[in-house]
Amino acid sequence: MERTKRQWWQGAYVALALGMAACSPSKAEGVAPSEARAAVERGAILLDVRSPGEFSGGHLAGAINIPVDALGARSGELAADREVVVYCRSGRRSAAAATLLREQGRQVIDVGPMEAW
């Protein structure tokens, strides 16, 4: 299947964001799990940015799954007026997702790895 220019640029952006996330400290530092849980209780969207296979193997209750490499194209599926709490397996993909969502003007809490929950 041939990729469109837009898909190519979205993929390139995600690759760049993942690379930057790998080289910088996690934005989750200093975020207490209780703060993230409280945000979800207030109505924040709980977003799992792992692959569908990882998600089907187990995820946090109430989470929705949009893989980080599809987030640029699918971020419109997230209500713009709600805070987003994002997580993944290790913290790398959630950092990239948080960066992308913040650039869109969204309020984001990056939990980092799922085990931090």
N, C-alpha and C. Protein backbone atom coordinates (compact mmCIF):
# COMPACT_ATOMS: atom_id res chain seq x y z
N MET A 1 0.85 -1.18 0.00
CA MET A 1 0.00 0.00 0.00
C MET A 1 0.90 1.24 0.00
N GLU A 2 0.62 2.16 -0.91
CA GLU A 2 1.41 3.37 -1.02
C GLU A 2 0.98 4.38 0.04
N ARG A 3 1.98 4.99 0.67
CA ARG A 3 1.68 5.97 1.71
C ARG A 3 1.51 7.35 1.08
N THR A 4 0.56 8.10 1.61
CA THR A 4 0.38 9.46 1.14
C THR A 4 1.45 10.34 1.78
N LYS A 5 1.62 11.55 1.23
CA LYS A 5 2.58 12.49 1.81
C LYS A 5 2.25 12.77 3.28
N ARG A 6 0.97 12.94 3.56
CA ARG A 6 0.54 13.23 4.94
C ARG A 6 0.92 12.09 5.87
N GLN A 7 0.66 10.85 5.45
CA GLN A 7 1.02 9.69 6.27
C GLN A 7 2.53 9.63 6.48
N TRP A 8 3.29 9.94 5.42
CA TRP A 8 4.75 9.93 5.54
C TRP A 8 5.21 10.94 6.58
N TRP A 9 4.68 12.17 6.49
CA TRP A 9 5.09 13.21 7.44
C TRP A 9 4.66 12.88 8.86
N GLN A 10 3.46 12.30 9.01
CA GLN A 10 3.02 11.91 10.35
C GLN A 10 3.96 10.85 10.92
N GLY A 11 4.34 9.87 10.10
CA GLY A 11 5.28 8.85 10.55
C GLY A 11 6.63 9.44 10.90
N ALA A 12 7.10 10.38 10.09
CA ALA A 12 8.38 11.03 10.35
C ALA A 12 8.32 11.82 11.66
N TYR A 13 7.18 12.50 11.89
CA TYR A 13 7.03 13.27 13.13
C TYR A 13 7.08 12.35 14.35
N VAL A 14 6.36 11.24 14.28
CA VAL A 14 6.34 10.30 15.41
C VAL A 14 7.74 9.75 15.64
N ALA A 15 8.46 9.40 14.58
CA ALA A 15 9.82 8.89 14.72
C ALA A 15 10.72 9.92 15.38
N LEU A 16 10.59 11.18 14.96
CA LEU A 16 11.37 12.25 15.56
C LEU A 16 11.02 12.43 17.04
N ALA A 17 9.73 12.43 17.33
CA ALA A 17 9.29 12.61 18.72
C ALA A 17 9.77 11.45 19.59
N LEU A 18 9.72 10.23 19.06
CA LEU A 18 10.21 9.09 19.83
C LEU A 18 11.71 9.21 20.08
N GLY A 19 12.43 9.67 19.08
CA GLY A 19 13.87 9.87 19.25
C GLY A 19 14.17 10.93 20.29
N MET A 20 13.42 12.02 20.26
CA MET A 20 13.62 13.08 21.25
C MET A 20 13.25 12.59 22.64
N ALA A 21 12.19 11.80 22.74
CA ALA A 21 11.76 11.29 24.04
C ALA A 21 12.83 10.36 24.62
N ALA A 22 13.50 9.61 23.76
CA ALA A 22 14.53 8.69 24.24
C ALA A 22 15.74 9.44 24.78
N CYS A 23 15.93 10.67 24.32
CA CYS A 23 17.11 11.45 24.72
C CYS A 23 16.82 12.43 25.84
N SER A 24 15.59 12.55 26.24
CA SER A 24 15.25 13.54 27.26
C SER A 24 14.56 12.86 28.44
N PRO A 25 14.64 13.51 29.61
CA PRO A 25 13.96 12.92 30.77
C PRO A 25 12.46 12.87 30.55
N SER A 26 11.83 11.91 31.20
CA SER A 26 10.39 11.74 31.06
C SER A 26 9.64 12.92 31.65
N LYS A 27 8.58 13.32 30.96
CA LYS A 27 7.72 14.38 31.46
C LYS A 27 6.91 13.89 32.66
N ALA A 28 6.96 12.58 32.91
CA ALA A 28 6.19 12.00 34.00
C ALA A 28 6.88 12.20 35.34
N GLU A 29 8.14 12.62 35.32
CA GLU A 29 8.86 12.80 36.58
C GLU A 29 8.09 13.80 37.45
N GLY A 30 7.85 13.42 38.67
CA GLY A 30 7.16 14.29 39.60
C GLY A 30 5.64 14.17 39.56
N VAL A 31 5.09 13.38 38.63
CA VAL A 31 3.64 13.17 38.57
C VAL A 31 3.30 11.98 39.44
N ALA A 32 2.59 12.23 40.50
CA ALA A 32 2.18 11.14 41.39
C ALA A 32 1.06 10.35 40.73
N PRO A 33 1.10 9.02 40.86
CA PRO A 33 0.01 8.20 40.30
C PRO A 33 -1.36 8.66 40.81
N SER A 34 -1.42 9.12 42.04
CA SER A 34 -2.70 9.57 42.58
C SER A 34 -3.23 10.79 41.82
N GLU A 35 -2.31 11.64 41.32
CA GLU A 35 -2.72 12.80 40.53
C GLU A 35 -3.34 12.36 39.20
N ALA A 36 -2.73 11.38 38.56
CA ALA A 36 -3.26 10.85 37.30
C ALA A 36 -4.61 10.19 37.53
N ARG A 37 -4.72 9.38 38.58
CA ARG A 37 -6.00 8.71 38.87
C ARG A 37 -7.09 9.74 39.18
N ALA A 38 -6.74 10.78 39.91
CA ALA A 38 -7.72 11.83 40.23
C ALA A 38 -8.19 12.53 38.96
N ALA A 39 -7.28 12.76 38.03
CA ALA A 39 -7.67 13.40 36.76
C ALA A 39 -8.66 12.52 36.00
N VAL A 40 -8.42 11.22 35.97
CA VAL A 40 -9.34 10.29 35.29
C VAL A 40 -10.69 10.30 36.00
N GLU A 41 -10.68 10.34 37.32
CA GLU A 41 -11.93 10.38 38.08
C GLU A 41 -12.71 11.67 37.80
N ARG A 42 -11.98 12.76 37.47
CA ARG A 42 -12.62 14.03 37.13
C ARG A 42 -13.11 14.06 35.68
N GLY A 43 -12.80 13.00 34.91
CA GLY A 43 -13.28 12.95 33.53
C GLY A 43 -12.22 12.97 32.46
N ALA A 44 -10.95 12.94 32.84
CA ALA A 44 -9.88 12.90 31.84
C ALA A 44 -9.95 11.60 31.05
N ILE A 45 -9.50 11.66 29.82
CA ILE A 45 -9.42 10.47 28.97
C ILE A 45 -8.17 9.70 29.34
N LEU A 46 -8.30 8.41 29.57
CA LEU A 46 -7.15 7.54 29.84
C LEU A 46 -6.75 6.91 28.52
N LEU A 47 -5.57 7.26 28.02
CA LEU A 47 -5.12 6.87 26.69
C LEU A 47 -3.91 5.96 26.75
N ASP A 48 -4.06 4.78 26.20
CA ASP A 48 -2.99 3.79 26.08
C ASP A 48 -2.44 3.91 24.66
N VAL A 49 -1.16 4.24 24.51
CA VAL A 49 -0.59 4.45 23.18
C VAL A 49 0.28 3.28 22.72
N ARG A 50 0.08 2.11 23.35
CA ARG A 50 0.79 0.90 22.92
C ARG A 50 0.10 0.32 21.69
N SER A 51 0.68 -0.74 21.16
CA SER A 51 0.09 -1.41 19.99
C SER A 51 -1.22 -2.11 20.39
N PRO A 52 -2.08 -2.39 19.41
CA PRO A 52 -3.32 -3.12 19.71
C PRO A 52 -3.04 -4.48 20.37
N GLY A 53 -1.98 -5.15 19.96
CA GLY A 53 -1.63 -6.44 20.56
C GLY A 53 -1.28 -6.30 22.03
N GLU A 54 -0.49 -5.27 22.36
CA GLU A 54 -0.14 -5.02 23.75
C GLU A 54 -1.40 -4.68 24.55
N PHE A 55 -2.24 -3.85 23.97
CA PHE A 55 -3.48 -3.44 24.63
C PHE A 55 -4.37 -4.64 24.91
N SER A 56 -4.53 -5.52 23.93
CA SER A 56 -5.40 -6.68 24.13
C SER A 56 -4.81 -7.66 25.14
N GLY A 57 -3.51 -7.59 25.38
CA GLY A 57 -2.88 -8.43 26.38
C GLY A 57 -3.07 -7.93 27.80
N GLY A 58 -3.68 -6.77 27.96
CA GLY A 58 -3.93 -6.20 29.28
C GLY A 58 -3.74 -4.70 29.25
N HIS A 59 -4.65 -3.99 29.89
CA HIS A 59 -4.58 -2.53 29.93
C HIS A 59 -5.30 -2.02 31.18
N LEU A 60 -5.12 -0.75 31.45
CA LEU A 60 -5.78 -0.14 32.61
C LEU A 60 -7.28 -0.02 32.34
N ALA A 61 -8.07 -0.26 33.36
CA ALA A 61 -9.53 -0.19 33.23
C ALA A 61 -9.95 1.18 32.74
N GLY A 62 -10.80 1.18 31.72
CA GLY A 62 -11.33 2.43 31.18
C GLY A 62 -10.47 3.08 30.11
N ALA A 63 -9.32 2.50 29.82
CA ALA A 63 -8.42 3.09 28.82
C ALA A 63 -8.93 2.86 27.41
N ILE A 64 -8.63 3.82 26.54
CA ILE A 64 -8.85 3.62 25.11
C ILE A 64 -7.49 3.47 24.47
N ASN A 65 -7.45 2.82 23.32
CA ASN A 65 -6.18 2.53 22.66
C ASN A 65 -6.09 3.25 21.33
N ILE A 66 -5.10 4.13 21.24
CA ILE A 66 -4.70 4.72 19.97
C ILE A 66 -3.18 4.61 19.95
N PRO A 67 -2.63 3.72 19.12
CA PRO A 67 -1.18 3.56 19.08
C PRO A 67 -0.49 4.89 18.74
N VAL A 68 0.68 5.12 19.32
CA VAL A 68 1.36 6.39 19.13
C VAL A 68 1.61 6.70 17.66
N ASP A 69 1.88 5.68 16.85
CA ASP A 69 2.15 5.96 15.44
C ASP A 69 0.89 6.32 14.65
N ALA A 70 -0.28 6.16 15.24
CA ALA A 70 -1.54 6.56 14.60
C ALA A 70 -2.14 7.80 15.25
N LEU A 71 -1.53 8.28 16.31
CA LEU A 71 -2.12 9.37 17.09
C LEU A 71 -2.26 10.66 16.29
N GLY A 72 -1.30 10.98 15.46
CA GLY A 72 -1.39 12.20 14.66
C GLY A 72 -2.64 12.22 13.80
N ALA A 73 -2.95 11.08 13.21
CA ALA A 73 -4.12 10.98 12.33
C ALA A 73 -5.42 10.79 13.11
N ARG A 74 -5.33 10.26 14.33
CA ARG A 74 -6.54 9.91 15.08
C ARG A 74 -6.81 10.77 16.31
N SER A 75 -6.01 11.80 16.53
CA SER A 75 -6.20 12.60 17.75
C SER A 75 -7.55 13.28 17.79
N GLY A 76 -8.19 13.46 16.65
CA GLY A 76 -9.53 14.03 16.60
C GLY A 76 -10.58 13.16 17.27
N GLU A 77 -10.24 11.90 17.52
CA GLU A 77 -11.16 11.00 18.21
C GLU A 77 -11.24 11.32 19.71
N LEU A 78 -10.30 12.14 20.19
CA LEU A 78 -10.26 12.51 21.61
C LEU A 78 -10.98 13.85 21.78
N ALA A 79 -11.91 13.90 22.69
CA ALA A 79 -12.63 15.14 22.95
C ALA A 79 -11.63 16.25 23.28
N ALA A 80 -11.72 17.35 22.54
CA ALA A 80 -10.76 18.44 22.68
C ALA A 80 -10.86 19.16 24.02
N ASP A 81 -12.00 19.07 24.68
CA ASP A 81 -12.21 19.80 25.93
C ASP A 81 -11.88 18.97 27.17
N ARG A 82 -11.31 17.78 26.97
CA ARG A 82 -10.99 16.91 28.12
C ARG A 82 -9.48 16.72 28.24
N GLU A 83 -9.02 16.71 29.47
CA GLU A 83 -7.62 16.41 29.75
C GLU A 83 -7.33 14.97 29.33
N VAL A 84 -6.08 14.68 28.98
CA VAL A 84 -5.69 13.34 28.56
C VAL A 84 -4.60 12.83 29.49
N VAL A 85 -4.79 11.62 30.01
CA VAL A 85 -3.78 10.93 30.80
C VAL A 85 -3.26 9.81 29.91
N VAL A 86 -1.97 9.86 29.59
CA VAL A 86 -1.40 8.94 28.61
C VAL A 86 -0.36 8.02 29.26
N TYR A 87 -0.33 6.76 28.79
CA TYR A 87 0.67 5.81 29.28
C TYR A 87 1.04 4.83 28.18
N CYS A 88 2.13 4.10 28.41
CA CYS A 88 2.57 3.05 27.48
C CYS A 88 3.29 1.97 28.30
N ARG A 89 4.22 1.26 27.69
CA ARG A 89 4.93 0.20 28.41
C ARG A 89 6.13 0.75 29.18
N SER A 90 6.94 1.56 28.53
CA SER A 90 8.18 2.01 29.16
C SER A 90 8.24 3.50 29.45
N GLY A 91 7.38 4.28 28.81
CA GLY A 91 7.40 5.72 28.99
C GLY A 91 7.86 6.47 27.74
N ARG A 92 8.50 5.78 26.82
CA ARG A 92 9.00 6.43 25.60
C ARG A 92 7.85 6.88 24.69
N ARG A 93 6.95 5.97 24.40
CA ARG A 93 5.84 6.31 23.51
C ARG A 93 4.89 7.31 24.16
N SER A 94 4.68 7.20 25.47
CA SER A 94 3.78 8.15 26.13
C SER A 94 4.37 9.56 26.10
N ALA A 95 5.70 9.66 26.21
CA ALA A 95 6.36 10.97 26.13
C ALA A 95 6.16 11.58 24.75
N ALA A 96 6.30 10.76 23.70
CA ALA A 96 6.09 11.25 22.34
C ALA A 96 4.64 11.67 22.14
N ALA A 97 3.70 10.86 22.65
CA ALA A 97 2.28 11.18 22.53
C ALA A 97 1.94 12.46 23.29
N ALA A 98 2.50 12.61 24.48
CA ALA A 98 2.24 13.81 25.28
C ALA A 98 2.75 15.05 24.56
N THR A 99 3.91 14.95 23.94
CA THR A 99 4.46 16.08 23.19
C THR A 99 3.53 16.45 22.05
N LEU A 100 3.09 15.47 21.29
CA LEU A 100 2.19 15.72 20.16
C LEU A 100 0.90 16.36 20.63
N LEU A 101 0.29 15.81 21.69
CA LEU A 101 -0.98 16.34 22.19
C LEU A 101 -0.82 17.75 22.76
N ARG A 102 0.28 17.99 23.45
CA ARG A 102 0.52 19.35 23.99
C ARG A 102 0.67 20.36 22.86
N GLU A 103 1.33 19.96 21.79
CA GLU A 103 1.49 20.85 20.63
C GLU A 103 0.14 21.18 19.99
N GLN A 104 -0.84 20.33 20.21
CA GLN A 104 -2.20 20.58 19.73
C GLN A 104 -2.99 21.42 20.73
N GLY A 105 -2.36 21.80 21.84
CA GLY A 105 -3.02 22.64 22.83
C GLY A 105 -3.79 21.89 23.89
N ARG A 106 -3.57 20.59 23.98
CA ARG A 106 -4.30 19.79 24.96
C ARG A 106 -3.58 19.75 26.30
N GLN A 107 -4.37 19.57 27.36
CA GLN A 107 -3.83 19.36 28.69
C GLN A 107 -3.52 17.87 28.83
N VAL A 108 -2.28 17.54 29.20
CA VAL A 108 -1.84 16.15 29.21
C VAL A 108 -1.10 15.84 30.50
N ILE A 109 -1.38 14.68 31.06
CA ILE A 109 -0.57 14.11 32.14
C ILE A 109 0.07 12.86 31.56
N ASP A 110 1.39 12.82 31.55
CA ASP A 110 2.12 11.66 31.04
C ASP A 110 2.49 10.77 32.22
N VAL A 111 1.80 9.66 32.35
CA VAL A 111 2.07 8.70 33.43
C VAL A 111 3.40 8.00 33.17
N GLY A 112 3.73 7.81 31.88
CA GLY A 112 4.92 7.06 31.52
C GLY A 112 4.57 5.59 31.44
N PRO A 113 5.34 4.74 32.11
CA PRO A 113 5.05 3.31 32.03
C PRO A 113 3.77 2.94 32.77
N MET A 114 3.05 1.96 32.22
CA MET A 114 1.80 1.49 32.81
C MET A 114 2.00 1.08 34.27
N GLU A 115 3.14 0.49 34.57
CA GLU A 115 3.38 0.01 35.95
C GLU A 115 3.42 1.17 36.96
N ALA A 116 3.62 2.39 36.49
CA ALA A 116 3.62 3.54 37.41
C ALA A 116 2.23 3.86 37.93
N TRP A 117 1.21 3.36 37.23
CA TRP A 117 -0.17 3.62 37.61
C TRP A 117 -0.45 3.12 39.01
